[in-house]
Amino acid sequence: MKKVKWGVIGAGGIADRRTIPGMLLADNAELVAVMEINMGLAESLREKYNAKYAYDSFEELLKNDEIEAVYIASPVNCHKEQAIAAAKAKKHILIEKPVGLTVEEGNEILKVCRQEGVKIAAGFVMRFHTYHQKMKQLIAEGKLGDIVSCRAQLTCWYPEIAGAWRQVKKLSGGGCMMDMSIHCMDLIQYVVGSRAKKIASFNSTNTFKYEVEDQSSSIIELENGAFAYVDSNFNIPDAAAKCRFEIYGTRGSALCEGTIGQVEGGTINVVVTETGGYDAQQNRNDVTPLKIDGEFGNMYTKEIESFGRSILDNTPIEAPAEDAVFVQSVIEAAYKSTEMGKIITL
């Protein structure tokens, strides 16, 4: 099988914890090079993953003609420069969310990618969870009826850490909403198949002392009329977080717990029922949940293999960066809603 030859820009952090290990399991991927600003770290990662090259400069990595695609997992303030340089070097791009610090930056990146004829996907790995794919299929088939309500939550414990770029607004663009709500907002729109239309949002820093928000709650009206509720926190202990994803329709519901995270796991409960006349007693008779089959694997492997097929076989990109830029426009509207105390129309 032909393999896409990859370089990783920003090979520490999430790349080291999740994406590179997932890449090594992919049938159609080969890790060629890693880059970190500290050459000692870059070299240790090269040895750890048996890559051919280590760099402390993304410019040098992009000069390597063996590399066909790059995974960009650097701090967000670096994305624009690195992605544009990668596109001009004719490398296909998988870029972590958010694509840029702002929607404007994201659109600049997309424009250059189109001009240079390279493909660009966003790191919305939650799309590849087997249960989320099943939910999307159920909704597309009309099994849950008309979707009327959704909820997604993603939290973690993220106290003050010296040198943590996600806690500095000029480096990250924002706090828990930018880092985690963005996954939830994307997942709802992807699974339901409808985009955000209006948003009202509350964001604040209540527990910690850094400058970005440590808690966020948003209410979104989708174009199909459904309401969606998104919660994200940097101030809830990991062991207490349930990371639930819920979809309710006129004929049933799909409820997940523990599926929004870095490891493919959790549970799903799907109920499909017939609706009749009004029941004044409002009896909630037990209905046997549907059995949903799904094989757990590595979402990061699925993500790499999917984009690899798009590069090699020109299949549609499962998580196009255009979707990420749109979700970032929802995020920007959410911050505006908090500042103005108003519902914002997109």
C-alpha atoms as a PDB file:
ATOM      1  CA  MET A   1       0.000   0.000   0.000  1.00  0.00           C
ATOM      2  CA  LYS A   2       1.241   3.455  -0.894  1.00  0.00           C
ATOM      3  CA  LYS A   3       1.935   5.605   2.152  1.00  0.00           C
ATOM      4  CA  VAL A   4       1.850   9.345   2.682  1.00  0.00           C
ATOM      5  CA  LYS A   5       5.174  10.567   4.063  1.00  0.00           C
ATOM      6  CA  TRP A   6       4.611  12.886   7.013  1.00  0.00           C
ATOM      7  CA  GLY A   7       6.468  15.616   8.853  1.00  0.00           C
ATOM      8  CA  VAL A   8       5.248  16.849  12.226  1.00  0.00           C
ATOM      9  CA  ILE A   9       5.579  20.519  13.168  1.00  0.00           C
ATOM     10  CA  GLY A  10       5.261  20.890  16.936  1.00  0.00           C
ATOM     11  CA  ALA A  11       5.995  17.252  17.749  1.00  0.00           C
ATOM     12  CA  GLY A  12       5.702  17.584  21.532  1.00  0.00           C
ATOM     13  CA  GLY A  13       2.394  17.957  23.393  1.00  0.00           C
ATOM     14  CA  ILE A  14      -0.674  16.362  21.772  1.00  0.00           C
ATOM     15  CA  ALA A  15       1.435  15.124  18.845  1.00  0.00           C
ATOM     16  CA  ASP A  16       3.643  13.131  21.191  1.00  0.00           C
ATOM     17  CA  ARG A  17       0.814  11.977  23.469  1.00  0.00           C
ATOM     18  CA  ARG A  18      -1.692  10.948  20.821  1.00  0.00           C
ATOM     19  CA  THR A  19      -1.264  11.818  17.162  1.00  0.00           C
ATOM     20  CA  ILE A  20       2.180  10.396  16.366  1.00  0.00           C
ATOM     21  CA  PRO A  21       1.425   7.084  18.127  1.00  0.00           C
ATOM     22  CA  GLY A  22      -1.800   6.966  16.111  1.00  0.00           C
ATOM     23  CA  MET A  23       0.083   7.822  12.918  1.00  0.00           C
ATOM     24  CA  LEU A  24       2.459   4.902  13.440  1.00  0.00           C
ATOM     25  CA  LEU A  25      -0.545   2.538  13.441  1.00  0.00           C
ATOM     26  CA  ALA A  26      -1.958   3.922  10.195  1.00  0.00           C
ATOM     27  CA  ASP A  27      -1.727   1.664   7.147  1.00  0.00           C
ATOM     28  CA  ASN A  28      -1.172   4.523   4.731  1.00  0.00           C
ATOM     29  CA  ALA A  29       1.207   6.767   6.705  1.00  0.00           C
ATOM     30  CA  GLU A  30       4.956   6.939   7.264  1.00  0.00           C
ATOM     31  CA  LEU A  31       6.554   9.316   9.758  1.00  0.00           C
ATOM     32  CA  VAL A  32       9.611  10.894   8.129  1.00  0.00           C
ATOM     33  CA  ALA A  33      10.483  13.944  10.241  1.00  0.00           C
ATOM     34  CA  VAL A  34       9.717  15.732  13.495  1.00  0.00           C
ATOM     35  CA  MET A  35      10.281  19.358  14.438  1.00  0.00           C
ATOM     36  CA  GLU A  36      10.460  21.103  17.805  1.00  0.00           C
ATOM     37  CA  ILE A  37      12.063  24.445  18.648  1.00  0.00           C
ATOM     38  CA  ASN A  38      14.390  22.677  21.086  1.00  0.00           C
ATOM     39  CA  MET A  39      16.756  20.468  19.077  1.00  0.00           C
ATOM     40  CA  GLY A  40      17.370  18.172  22.025  1.00  0.00           C
ATOM     41  CA  LEU A  41      13.650  17.467  22.282  1.00  0.00           C
ATOM     42  CA  ALA A  42      13.357  17.074  18.509  1.00  0.00           C
ATOM     43  CA  GLU A  43      16.168  14.539  18.467  1.00  0.00           C
ATOM     44  CA  SER A  44      14.704  12.581  21.374  1.00  0.00           C
ATOM     45  CA  LEU A  45      11.348  12.425  19.567  1.00  0.00           C
ATOM     46  CA  ARG A  46      13.087  11.314  16.373  1.00  0.00           C
ATOM     47  CA  GLU A  47      14.699   8.456  18.291  1.00  0.00           C
ATOM     48  CA  LYS A  48      11.491   7.607  20.151  1.00  0.00           C
ATOM     49  CA  TYR A  49       9.499   7.229  16.945  1.00  0.00           C
ATOM     50  CA  ASN A  50      12.298   6.063  14.647  1.00  0.00           C
ATOM     51  CA  ALA A  51      11.892   9.004  12.274  1.00  0.00           C
ATOM     52  CA  LYS A  52      14.625   9.765   9.730  1.00  0.00           C
ATOM     53  CA  TYR A  53      15.014  13.487  10.448  1.00  0.00           C
ATOM     54  CA  ALA A  54      14.804  15.923  13.354  1.00  0.00           C
ATOM     55  CA  TYR A  55      14.606  19.701  12.955  1.00  0.00           C
ATOM     56  CA  ASP A  56      14.397  22.758  15.200  1.00  0.00           C
ATOM     57  CA  SER A  57      13.024  24.882  12.349  1.00  0.00           C
ATOM     58  CA  PHE A  58       9.813  24.335  10.395  1.00  0.00           C
ATOM     59  CA  GLU A  59      11.418  26.061   7.405  1.00  0.00           C
ATOM     60  CA  GLU A  60      14.097  23.377   7.259  1.00  0.00           C
ATOM     61  CA  LEU A  61      11.546  20.606   7.584  1.00  0.00           C
ATOM     62  CA  LEU A  62       9.554  22.037   4.682  1.00  0.00           C
ATOM     63  CA  LYS A  63      12.647  21.945   2.456  1.00  0.00           C
ATOM     64  CA  ASN A  64      12.679  18.147   2.732  1.00  0.00           C
ATOM     65  CA  ASP A  65      11.369  16.797  -0.574  1.00  0.00           C
ATOM     66  CA  GLU A  66      10.537  13.417   0.944  1.00  0.00           C
ATOM     67  CA  ILE A  67       7.751  14.956   3.002  1.00  0.00           C
ATOM     68  CA  GLU A  68       4.337  15.005   1.317  1.00  0.00           C
ATOM     69  CA  ALA A  69       2.135  16.145   4.198  1.00  0.00           C
ATOM     70  CA  VAL A  70       2.587  17.937   7.510  1.00  0.00           C
ATOM     71  CA  TYR A  71       0.724  17.763  10.777  1.00  0.00           C
ATOM     72  CA  ILE A  72       0.790  21.158  12.525  1.00  0.00           C
ATOM     73  CA  ALA A  73       0.327  20.930  16.293  1.00  0.00           C
ATOM     74  CA  SER A  74       2.237  24.022  17.381  1.00  0.00           C
ATOM     75  CA  PRO A  75       0.752  26.852  19.505  1.00  0.00           C
ATOM     76  CA  VAL A  76      -2.068  28.604  17.658  1.00  0.00           C
ATOM     77  CA  ASN A  77      -0.143  31.859  17.193  1.00  0.00           C
ATOM     78  CA  CYS A  78       2.291  29.923  14.967  1.00  0.00           C
ATOM     79  CA  HIS A  79      -0.343  28.348  12.719  1.00  0.00           C
ATOM     80  CA  LYS A  80      -0.722  31.061  10.110  1.00  0.00           C
ATOM     81  CA  GLU A  81       2.967  31.390   9.271  1.00  0.00           C
ATOM     82  CA  GLN A  82       3.606  27.648   9.323  1.00  0.00           C
ATOM     83  CA  ALA A  83       0.510  26.629   7.351  1.00  0.00           C
ATOM     84  CA  ILE A  84       1.073  29.219   4.632  1.00  0.00           C
ATOM     85  CA  ALA A  85       4.720  28.179   4.341  1.00  0.00           C
ATOM     86  CA  ALA A  86       3.669  24.511   4.141  1.00  0.00           C
ATOM     87  CA  ALA A  87       1.149  25.261   1.407  1.00  0.00           C
ATOM     88  CA  LYS A  88       3.737  27.171  -0.609  1.00  0.00           C
ATOM     89  CA  ALA A  89       6.077  24.176  -0.186  1.00  0.00           C
ATOM     90  CA  LYS A  90       3.303  22.024  -1.729  1.00  0.00           C
ATOM     91  CA  LYS A  91       2.737  19.978   1.422  1.00  0.00           C
ATOM     92  CA  HIS A  92      -0.765  18.809   2.307  1.00  0.00           C
ATOM     93  CA  ILE A  93      -1.797  19.930   5.795  1.00  0.00           C
ATOM     94  CA  LEU A  94      -3.540  18.475   8.822  1.00  0.00           C
ATOM     95  CA  ILE A  95      -3.773  21.356  11.286  1.00  0.00           C
ATOM     96  CA  GLU A  96      -4.957  21.364  14.867  1.00  0.00           C
ATOM     97  CA  LYS A  97      -7.892  23.528  15.828  1.00  0.00           C
ATOM     98  CA  PRO A  98      -8.321  26.434  15.852  1.00  0.00           C
ATOM     99  CA  VAL A  99      -6.860  26.916  12.376  1.00  0.00           C
ATOM    100  CA  GLY A 100      -5.634  30.406  13.295  1.00  0.00           C
ATOM    101  CA  LEU A 101      -5.936  32.951  16.060  1.00  0.00           C
ATOM    102  CA  THR A 102      -8.876  34.530  14.216  1.00  0.00           C
ATOM    103  CA  VAL A 103     -11.310  33.736  11.430  1.00  0.00           C
ATOM    104  CA  GLU A 104      -9.387  36.212   9.277  1.00  0.00           C
ATOM    105  CA  GLU A 105      -6.189  34.206   9.756  1.00  0.00           C
ATOM    106  CA  GLY A 106      -8.026  30.981   8.988  1.00  0.00           C
ATOM    107  CA  ASN A 107      -9.394  32.382   5.752  1.00  0.00           C
ATOM    108  CA  GLU A 108      -5.925  33.566   4.730  1.00  0.00           C
ATOM    109  CA  ILE A 109      -4.613  30.030   5.210  1.00  0.00           C
ATOM    110  CA  LEU A 110      -7.476  28.533   3.200  1.00  0.00           C
ATOM    111  CA  LYS A 111      -6.914  31.008   0.380  1.00  0.00           C
ATOM    112  CA  VAL A 112      -3.235  30.107   0.044  1.00  0.00           C
ATOM    113  CA  CYS A 113      -4.008  26.383   0.164  1.00  0.00           C
ATOM    114  CA  ARG A 114      -6.484  26.781  -2.694  1.00  0.00           C
ATOM    115  CA  GLN A 115      -3.985  28.834  -4.686  1.00  0.00           C
ATOM    116  CA  GLU A 116      -1.249  26.230  -4.182  1.00  0.00           C
ATOM    117  CA  GLY A 117      -3.521  23.244  -4.816  1.00  0.00           C
ATOM    118  CA  VAL A 118      -2.890  21.521  -1.484  1.00  0.00           C
ATOM    119  CA  LYS A 119      -5.443  19.800   0.739  1.00  0.00           C
ATOM    120  CA  ILE A 120      -6.016  20.978   4.301  1.00  0.00           C
ATOM    121  CA  ALA A 121      -7.916  19.181   7.053  1.00  0.00           C
ATOM    122  CA  ALA A 122      -8.622  20.213  10.650  1.00  0.00           C
ATOM    123  CA  GLY A 123      -7.860  18.158  13.755  1.00  0.00           C
ATOM    124  CA  PHE A 124     -11.462  17.447  14.745  1.00  0.00           C
ATOM    125  CA  VAL A 125     -10.632  13.959  15.935  1.00  0.00           C
ATOM    126  CA  MET A 126     -13.954  13.553  17.799  1.00  0.00           C
ATOM    127  CA  ARG A 127     -15.654  13.107  14.428  1.00  0.00           C
ATOM    128  CA  PHE A 128     -13.955   9.732  14.102  1.00  0.00           C
ATOM    129  CA  HIS A 129     -15.370   8.146  17.276  1.00  0.00           C
ATOM    130  CA  THR A 130     -17.378   5.088  16.244  1.00  0.00           C
ATOM    131  CA  TYR A 131     -20.417   6.127  18.312  1.00  0.00           C
ATOM    132  CA  HIS A 132     -20.434   9.645  16.909  1.00  0.00           C
ATOM    133  CA  GLN A 133     -20.389   8.165  13.418  1.00  0.00           C
ATOM    134  CA  LYS A 134     -23.326   5.926  14.373  1.00  0.00           C
ATOM    135  CA  MET A 135     -25.251   8.919  15.717  1.00  0.00           C
ATOM    136  CA  LYS A 136     -24.674  10.801  12.490  1.00  0.00           C
ATOM    137  CA  GLN A 137     -25.962   7.828  10.520  1.00  0.00           C
ATOM    138  CA  LEU A 138     -29.082   7.449  12.682  1.00  0.00           C
ATOM    139  CA  ILE A 139     -29.952  11.106  12.225  1.00  0.00           C
ATOM    140  CA  ALA A 140     -29.316  11.039   8.473  1.00  0.00           C
ATOM    141  CA  GLU A 141     -31.631   8.033   8.188  1.00  0.00           C
ATOM    142  CA  GLY A 142     -34.363   9.869  10.119  1.00  0.00           C
ATOM    143  CA  LYS A 143     -34.437   7.303  12.932  1.00  0.00           C
ATOM    144  CA  LEU A 144     -34.586   9.996  15.630  1.00  0.00           C
ATOM    145  CA  GLY A 145     -37.107  12.156  13.776  1.00  0.00           C
ATOM    146  CA  ASP A 146     -36.629  15.903  13.638  1.00  0.00           C
ATOM    147  CA  ILE A 147     -33.744  16.954  15.894  1.00  0.00           C
ATOM    148  CA  VAL A 148     -34.900  19.479  18.492  1.00  0.00           C
ATOM    149  CA  SER A 149     -32.259  19.551  21.238  1.00  0.00           C
ATOM    150  CA  CYS A 150     -28.554  18.738  21.636  1.00  0.00           C
ATOM    151  CA  ARG A 151     -25.929  19.013  24.333  1.00  0.00           C
ATOM    152  CA  ALA A 152     -22.186  18.451  24.427  1.00  0.00           C
ATOM    153  CA  GLN A 153     -19.676  19.008  27.205  1.00  0.00           C
ATOM    154  CA  LEU A 154     -15.912  18.739  27.483  1.00  0.00           C
ATOM    155  CA  THR A 155     -13.987  19.617  30.628  1.00  0.00           C
ATOM    156  CA  CYS A 156     -10.640  19.143  32.329  1.00  0.00           C
ATOM    157  CA  TRP A 157      -8.658  20.395  35.325  1.00  0.00           C
ATOM    158  CA  TYR A 158      -6.183  22.982  34.013  1.00  0.00           C
ATOM    159  CA  PRO A 159      -4.630  25.036  36.833  1.00  0.00           C
ATOM    160  CA  GLU A 160      -2.017  27.744  36.401  1.00  0.00           C
ATOM    161  CA  ILE A 161       1.105  26.272  34.785  1.00  0.00           C
ATOM    162  CA  ALA A 162       4.231  28.315  34.089  1.00  0.00           C
ATOM    163  CA  GLY A 163       4.799  28.632  30.347  1.00  0.00           C
ATOM    164  CA  ALA A 164       1.409  27.139  29.360  1.00  0.00           C
ATOM    165  CA  TRP A 165       0.586  28.844  26.062  1.00  0.00           C
ATOM    166  CA  ARG A 166      -3.119  27.934  26.236  1.00  0.00           C
ATOM    167  CA  GLN A 167      -3.408  30.243  29.269  1.00  0.00           C
ATOM    168  CA  VAL A 168      -2.110  33.273  27.341  1.00  0.00           C
ATOM    169  CA  LYS A 169      -4.692  34.853  25.040  1.00  0.00           C
ATOM    170  CA  LYS A 170      -2.263  36.218  22.441  1.00  0.00           C
ATOM    171  CA  LEU A 171      -0.862  32.707  21.967  1.00  0.00           C
ATOM    172  CA  SER A 172      -4.089  30.663  22.149  1.00  0.00           C
ATOM    173  CA  GLY A 173      -6.864  33.022  21.122  1.00  0.00           C
ATOM    174  CA  GLY A 174      -8.911  32.064  24.170  1.00  0.00           C
ATOM    175  CA  GLY A 175      -9.437  29.600  26.998  1.00  0.00           C
ATOM    176  CA  CYS A 176     -11.680  26.597  27.488  1.00  0.00           C
ATOM    177  CA  MET A 177     -14.176  27.733  24.844  1.00  0.00           C
ATOM    178  CA  MET A 178     -11.491  28.135  22.176  1.00  0.00           C
ATOM    179  CA  ASP A 179      -9.747  24.923  23.209  1.00  0.00           C
ATOM    180  CA  MET A 180     -12.650  22.596  24.037  1.00  0.00           C
ATOM    181  CA  SER A 181     -16.053  24.090  23.181  1.00  0.00           C
ATOM    182  CA  ILE A 182     -14.810  24.275  19.622  1.00  0.00           C
ATOM    183  CA  HIS A 183     -14.784  20.448  19.538  1.00  0.00           C
ATOM    184  CA  CYS A 184     -18.321  20.271  20.928  1.00  0.00           C
ATOM    185  CA  MET A 185     -19.709  22.928  18.598  1.00  0.00           C
ATOM    186  CA  ASP A 186     -18.169  21.206  15.617  1.00  0.00           C
ATOM    187  CA  LEU A 187     -19.391  17.774  16.702  1.00  0.00           C
ATOM    188  CA  ILE A 188     -23.000  18.903  17.101  1.00  0.00           C
ATOM    189  CA  GLN A 189     -23.062  20.553  13.684  1.00  0.00           C
ATOM    190  CA  TYR A 190     -21.307  17.586  12.047  1.00  0.00           C
ATOM    191  CA  VAL A 191     -23.528  14.899  13.574  1.00  0.00           C
ATOM    192  CA  VAL A 192     -26.812  16.782  13.175  1.00  0.00           C
ATOM    193  CA  GLY A 193     -25.940  18.118   9.723  1.00  0.00           C
ATOM    194  CA  SER A 194     -26.989  21.685  10.475  1.00  0.00           C
ATOM    195  CA  ARG A 195     -24.942  24.825  11.096  1.00  0.00           C
ATOM    196  CA  ALA A 196     -25.199  27.392  13.873  1.00  0.00           C
ATOM    197  CA  LYS A 197     -27.463  30.374  13.236  1.00  0.00           C
ATOM    198  CA  LYS A 198     -27.526  32.301  16.541  1.00  0.00           C
ATOM    199  CA  ILE A 199     -25.585  32.108  19.806  1.00  0.00           C
ATOM    200  CA  ALA A 200     -25.763  33.402  23.365  1.00  0.00           C
ATOM    201  CA  SER A 201     -22.742  32.694  25.529  1.00  0.00           C
ATOM    202  CA  PHE A 202     -21.374  33.154  29.052  1.00  0.00           C
ATOM    203  CA  ASN A 203     -17.607  33.066  29.579  1.00  0.00           C
ATOM    204  CA  SER A 204     -15.661  33.899  32.713  1.00  0.00           C
ATOM    205  CA  THR A 205     -12.518  33.193  34.717  1.00  0.00           C
ATOM    206  CA  ASN A 206     -13.728  32.193  38.162  1.00  0.00           C
ATOM    207  CA  THR A 207     -11.302  29.661  39.618  1.00  0.00           C
ATOM    208  CA  PHE A 208      -7.844  30.456  38.291  1.00  0.00           C
ATOM    209  CA  LYS A 209      -5.848  33.644  37.768  1.00  0.00           C
ATOM    210  CA  TYR A 210      -4.883  33.400  34.110  1.00  0.00           C
ATOM    211  CA  GLU A 211      -6.292  35.776  31.504  1.00  0.00           C
ATOM    212  CA  VAL A 212      -8.408  33.338  29.470  1.00  0.00           C
ATOM    213  CA  GLU A 213     -11.766  31.913  30.527  1.00  0.00           C
ATOM    214  CA  ASP A 214     -11.851  28.819  32.713  1.00  0.00           C
ATOM    215  CA  GLN A 215     -15.581  28.174  32.249  1.00  0.00           C
ATOM    216  CA  SER A 216     -17.959  28.611  29.338  1.00  0.00           C
ATOM    217  CA  SER A 217     -21.607  27.904  28.548  1.00  0.00           C
ATOM    218  CA  SER A 218     -23.347  28.621  25.252  1.00  0.00           C
ATOM    219  CA  ILE A 219     -26.809  28.197  23.755  1.00  0.00           C
ATOM    220  CA  ILE A 220     -26.912  27.869  19.978  1.00  0.00           C
ATOM    221  CA  GLU A 221     -29.825  27.893  17.561  1.00  0.00           C
ATOM    222  CA  LEU A 222     -29.109  25.702  14.550  1.00  0.00           C
ATOM    223  CA  GLU A 223     -30.414  26.395  11.073  1.00  0.00           C
ATOM    224  CA  ASN A 224     -32.818  23.447  11.388  1.00  0.00           C
ATOM    225  CA  GLY A 225     -34.433  25.056  14.446  1.00  0.00           C
ATOM    226  CA  ALA A 226     -32.834  22.814  17.071  1.00  0.00           C
ATOM    227  CA  PHE A 227     -31.257  24.292  20.188  1.00  0.00           C
ATOM    228  CA  ALA A 228     -27.790  23.171  21.263  1.00  0.00           C
ATOM    229  CA  TYR A 229     -26.141  23.586  24.651  1.00  0.00           C
ATOM    230  CA  VAL A 230     -22.351  23.530  24.959  1.00  0.00           C
ATOM    231  CA  ASP A 231     -20.407  23.548  28.222  1.00  0.00           C
ATOM    232  CA  SER A 232     -16.643  23.552  28.684  1.00  0.00           C
ATOM    233  CA  ASN A 233     -14.506  24.036  31.762  1.00  0.00           C
ATOM    234  CA  PHE A 234     -10.891  24.208  32.844  1.00  0.00           C
ATOM    235  CA  ASN A 235     -12.033  24.059  36.487  1.00  0.00           C
ATOM    236  CA  ILE A 236     -13.710  20.648  36.880  1.00  0.00           C
ATOM    237  CA  PRO A 237     -11.569  17.694  38.054  1.00  0.00           C
ATOM    238  CA  ASP A 238     -10.908  15.111  35.359  1.00  0.00           C
ATOM    239  CA  ALA A 239     -12.322  12.294  37.485  1.00  0.00           C
ATOM    240  CA  ALA A 240     -15.590  14.220  37.890  1.00  0.00           C
ATOM    241  CA  ALA A 241     -16.039  15.007  34.197  1.00  0.00           C
ATOM    242  CA  LYS A 242     -18.640  12.950  32.314  1.00  0.00           C
ATOM    243  CA  CYS A 243     -18.105  14.455  28.839  1.00  0.00           C
ATOM    244  CA  ARG A 244     -21.649  13.760  27.702  1.00  0.00           C
ATOM    245  CA  PHE A 245     -23.043  14.141  24.192  1.00  0.00           C
ATOM    246  CA  GLU A 246     -26.835  14.106  23.854  1.00  0.00           C
ATOM    247  CA  ILE A 247     -29.164  14.335  20.863  1.00  0.00           C
ATOM    248  CA  TYR A 248     -32.974  14.448  21.175  1.00  0.00           C
ATOM    249  CA  GLY A 249     -35.474  14.217  18.338  1.00  0.00           C
ATOM    250  CA  THR A 250     -39.207  13.835  17.811  1.00  0.00           C
ATOM    251  CA  ARG A 251     -38.852  10.034  17.590  1.00  0.00           C
ATOM    252  CA  GLY A 252     -36.041   9.246  19.985  1.00  0.00           C
ATOM    253  CA  SER A 253     -32.694  10.077  21.514  1.00  0.00           C
ATOM    254  CA  ALA A 254     -29.023   9.150  21.429  1.00  0.00           C
ATOM    255  CA  LEU A 255     -27.090   9.689  24.651  1.00  0.00           C
ATOM    256  CA  CYS A 256     -23.338   9.204  24.955  1.00  0.00           C
ATOM    257  CA  GLU A 257     -21.158   9.387  28.037  1.00  0.00           C
ATOM    258  CA  GLY A 258     -17.386   9.494  28.028  1.00  0.00           C
ATOM    259  CA  THR A 259     -17.102   9.696  24.244  1.00  0.00           C
ATOM    260  CA  ILE A 260     -15.808  13.267  23.939  1.00  0.00           C
ATOM    261  CA  GLY A 261     -12.141  12.933  24.802  1.00  0.00           C
ATOM    262  CA  GLN A 262      -8.755  11.757  23.588  1.00  0.00           C
ATOM    263  CA  VAL A 263      -9.452   8.028  23.926  1.00  0.00           C
ATOM    264  CA  GLU A 264     -12.142   6.180  21.980  1.00  0.00           C
ATOM    265  CA  GLY A 265     -14.430   4.715  24.623  1.00  0.00           C
ATOM    266  CA  GLY A 266     -17.550   5.455  26.628  1.00  0.00           C
ATOM    267  CA  THR A 267     -21.128   4.287  26.225  1.00  0.00           C
ATOM    268  CA  ILE A 268     -24.102   5.001  23.992  1.00  0.00           C
ATOM    269  CA  ASN A 269     -27.821   4.607  24.664  1.00  0.00           C
ATOM    270  CA  VAL A 270     -30.217   4.987  21.741  1.00  0.00           C
ATOM    271  CA  VAL A 271     -34.006   4.945  22.148  1.00  0.00           C
ATOM    272  CA  VAL A 272     -36.391   5.053  19.204  1.00  0.00           C
ATOM    273  CA  THR A 273     -40.116   5.195  19.937  1.00  0.00           C
ATOM    274  CA  GLU A 274     -43.416   5.910  18.214  1.00  0.00           C
ATOM    275  CA  THR A 275     -45.232   9.088  19.129  1.00  0.00           C
ATOM    276  CA  GLY A 276     -49.015   9.253  19.422  1.00  0.00           C
ATOM    277  CA  GLY A 277     -51.502  11.555  21.055  1.00  0.00           C
ATOM    278  CA  TYR A 278     -50.930  13.615  24.164  1.00  0.00           C
ATOM    279  CA  ASP A 279     -50.517  11.565  27.346  1.00  0.00           C
ATOM    280  CA  ALA A 280     -51.656  13.632  30.317  1.00  0.00           C
ATOM    281  CA  GLN A 281     -50.051  11.097  32.648  1.00  0.00           C
ATOM    282  CA  GLN A 282     -46.729  11.588  30.877  1.00  0.00           C
ATOM    283  CA  ASN A 283     -45.780   8.007  31.579  1.00  0.00           C
ATOM    284  CA  ARG A 284     -42.235   7.311  30.552  1.00  0.00           C
ATOM    285  CA  ASN A 285     -42.553   3.640  29.841  1.00  0.00           C
ATOM    286  CA  ASP A 286     -39.340   1.724  29.561  1.00  0.00           C
ATOM    287  CA  VAL A 287     -38.249   1.216  25.984  1.00  0.00           C
ATOM    288  CA  THR A 288     -35.495  -1.239  25.185  1.00  0.00           C
ATOM    289  CA  PRO A 289     -32.521   0.733  23.827  1.00  0.00           C
ATOM    290  CA  LEU A 290     -31.290  -0.149  20.365  1.00  0.00           C
ATOM    291  CA  LYS A 291     -28.150  -2.247  20.280  1.00  0.00           C
ATOM    292  CA  ILE A 292     -25.451  -0.151  18.647  1.00  0.00           C
ATOM    293  CA  ASP A 293     -22.389  -2.020  17.468  1.00  0.00           C
ATOM    294  CA  GLY A 294     -19.117  -0.193  17.227  1.00  0.00           C
ATOM    295  CA  GLU A 295     -15.528  -1.267  17.416  1.00  0.00           C
ATOM    296  CA  PHE A 296     -13.225   0.903  19.496  1.00  0.00           C
ATOM    297  CA  GLY A 297      -9.837   1.712  18.041  1.00  0.00           C
ATOM    298  CA  ASN A 298      -7.565   4.735  17.846  1.00  0.00           C
ATOM    299  CA  MET A 299      -9.316   7.919  16.686  1.00  0.00           C
ATOM    300  CA  TYR A 300      -6.002   9.500  15.732  1.00  0.00           C
ATOM    301  CA  THR A 301      -5.172   6.541  13.495  1.00  0.00           C
ATOM    302  CA  LYS A 302      -8.596   6.883  11.869  1.00  0.00           C
ATOM    303  CA  GLU A 303      -7.995  10.605  11.396  1.00  0.00           C
ATOM    304  CA  ILE A 304      -4.598  10.077   9.733  1.00  0.00           C
ATOM    305  CA  GLU A 305      -5.840   7.230   7.541  1.00  0.00           C
ATOM    306  CA  SER A 306      -8.885   9.229   6.448  1.00  0.00           C
ATOM    307  CA  PHE A 307      -6.832  12.255   5.392  1.00  0.00           C
ATOM    308  CA  GLY A 308      -4.312   9.918   3.784  1.00  0.00           C
ATOM    309  CA  ARG A 309      -7.069   8.510   1.575  1.00  0.00           C
ATOM    310  CA  SER A 310      -8.051  12.051   0.634  1.00  0.00           C
ATOM    311  CA  ILE A 311      -4.455  12.721  -0.438  1.00  0.00           C
ATOM    312  CA  LEU A 312      -3.854   9.418  -2.219  1.00  0.00           C
ATOM    313  CA  ASP A 313      -7.319   8.694  -3.666  1.00  0.00           C
ATOM    314  CA  ASN A 314      -8.911  12.149  -3.696  1.00  0.00           C
ATOM    315  CA  THR A 315     -11.737  11.046  -1.397  1.00  0.00           C
ATOM    316  CA  PRO A 316     -13.697  13.845   0.320  1.00  0.00           C
ATOM    317  CA  ILE A 317     -11.973  15.247   3.410  1.00  0.00           C
ATOM    318  CA  GLU A 318     -13.892  14.114   6.498  1.00  0.00           C
ATOM    319  CA  ALA A 319     -12.904  17.164   8.558  1.00  0.00           C
ATOM    320  CA  PRO A 320     -12.223  19.993   6.078  1.00  0.00           C
ATOM    321  CA  ALA A 321     -10.502  23.065   7.477  1.00  0.00           C
ATOM    322  CA  GLU A 322     -13.321  25.180   6.047  1.00  0.00           C
ATOM    323  CA  ASP A 323     -15.587  23.675   8.740  1.00  0.00           C
ATOM    324  CA  ALA A 324     -13.059  24.638  11.404  1.00  0.00           C
ATOM    325  CA  VAL A 325     -12.986  28.237  10.222  1.00  0.00           C
ATOM    326  CA  PHE A 326     -16.781  28.359  10.341  1.00  0.00           C
ATOM    327  CA  VAL A 327     -16.815  26.964  13.888  1.00  0.00           C
ATOM    328  CA  GLN A 328     -14.284  29.612  14.829  1.00  0.00           C
ATOM    329  CA  SER A 329     -16.728  32.232  13.551  1.00  0.00           C
ATOM    330  CA  VAL A 330     -19.229  30.756  16.012  1.00  0.00           C
ATOM    331  CA  ILE A 331     -16.614  31.038  18.772  1.00  0.00           C
ATOM    332  CA  GLU A 332     -15.921  34.674  17.895  1.00  0.00           C
ATOM    333  CA  ALA A 333     -19.659  35.392  17.970  1.00  0.00           C
ATOM    334  CA  ALA A 334     -19.818  33.693  21.387  1.00  0.00           C
ATOM    335  CA  TYR A 335     -17.106  35.971  22.802  1.00  0.00           C
ATOM    336  CA  LYS A 336     -18.953  38.947  21.324  1.00  0.00           C
ATOM    337  CA  SER A 337     -22.166  37.739  22.975  1.00  0.00           C
ATOM    338  CA  THR A 338     -20.454  37.662  26.363  1.00  0.00           C
ATOM    339  CA  GLU A 339     -18.979  41.133  25.898  1.00  0.00           C
ATOM    340  CA  MET A 340     -22.249  42.709  24.729  1.00  0.00           C
ATOM    341  CA  GLY A 341     -24.692  40.643  26.778  1.00  0.00           C
ATOM    342  CA  LYS A 342     -26.698  39.917  23.628  1.00  0.00           C
ATOM    343  CA  ILE A 343     -27.735  37.093  21.315  1.00  0.00           C
ATOM    344  CA  ILE A 344     -25.544  37.240  18.220  1.00  0.00           C
ATOM    345  CA  THR A 345     -26.735  36.236  14.748  1.00  0.00           C
ATOM    346  CA  LEU A 346     -24.085  34.669  12.559  1.00  0.00           C
END
